[in-house]
Amino acid sequence: MIDKTVSSVADAVAGIHDGATVMIGGFGRAGQPVELINALIEQGASGLTIVNNNAGNGDVGLAALLAKGHVKKIICSFPRQSDSWVFDGLYREGKIELELVPQGNLAERIRAAGAGIGGFYSPTAVGTPLAEGKESRVFDGREYLLELPIKADFALVSGYRADRWGNIAYRETARNFGPIMATAAETTIVQVDEIVELGALDPEAIVTPGIFVNRVVAVGERRWLRNGEFVGGVNLEGEAL
C-alpha cells in the first residue's frame, strides 16, 4: 500500500543533512512552508544552500533559518526588501553567500532540472555583471546566455490538501514555486492543511502528482491573508479562530 504520509514535521525533515541543497517554496510569505522550516531549524542541519524566491521576511520562516546561521549560501531573485534585515546583516558581515538569479531564469532553471533539460539560452542579464563567466551565443542577431539547471537534494513545499499517495492540490497564489520545485529535488517534502481520502481530490485540482512527492505531513488549517485581514485557521490550542 502506498502511503507517503508521516506523523510529524520532525519526521518529515528527518535525513536532511549538513551541506544539503534545499529548495523552499513560496513567493515572499505566500506559500512558504513555515512549519517545515521551523522543524528544519530544530533538526539542526547546517551549511545549507537554500533556493528560494527571496531571502526571508521579518524574523519568521526562512528568515529565522538564516538567523540561526544554518545557511551558507542562498540562490534567489529578491534578496532585499523592506523587512529583509536578517539577510542584510548576514551579507554585510560576509556570513552568507548570494547567487542572484533573475526570477524568470530562476523558475526556468528549476523547471529544467525537473524536466531533465541540460541547459537553455536566455537573453536576460546580457550586458550585466550577471553575465560574467557565462557562455553566450547569438540567435537571429540577439545575444543569449547559457543557463544551467538548478536541482536540489530536498524540496520543502506548502500545499493545501493531499491524499496518502502524495497527490497535491494548492490554494490560490500559495501555489507559486511549489510545483516546479517538487520535480527538481531528490526528496520532496510537502506540508498541507489536511490529508483527505483517496478520490476526494478533484483530479483537475491536482497540480503535483504523487510521483514527485516523497513525504506528506498535515499541519492543520493555517490562517490566510485576504483583503488585508487574516481569516480561518486555529490557535495553538487547536481552537478555531
Foldseek 3Di string as FASTA:
>chain_A
DFFQEDAALLVLPPPQAALFEEEFEDDAPQFGPQRNQVSVVVVPHAQYEYEYAEQHFACGRNLVSVQSLRYAEYEHAHDDDPGNVSSVVCVVVVSHYYDHDHPVLSLVLLLCLLVVHAWDWALPQVPHPNQPPFDWDADPRGITTIDGHDATQEYEGEFAEEERLQFGFHDPPSPPSRQSNLSRHPAYEYEYQYYDYPPPDDPVRRRHGSVSHRHYYHDHDDWDADPNDTAWDADPVRHID
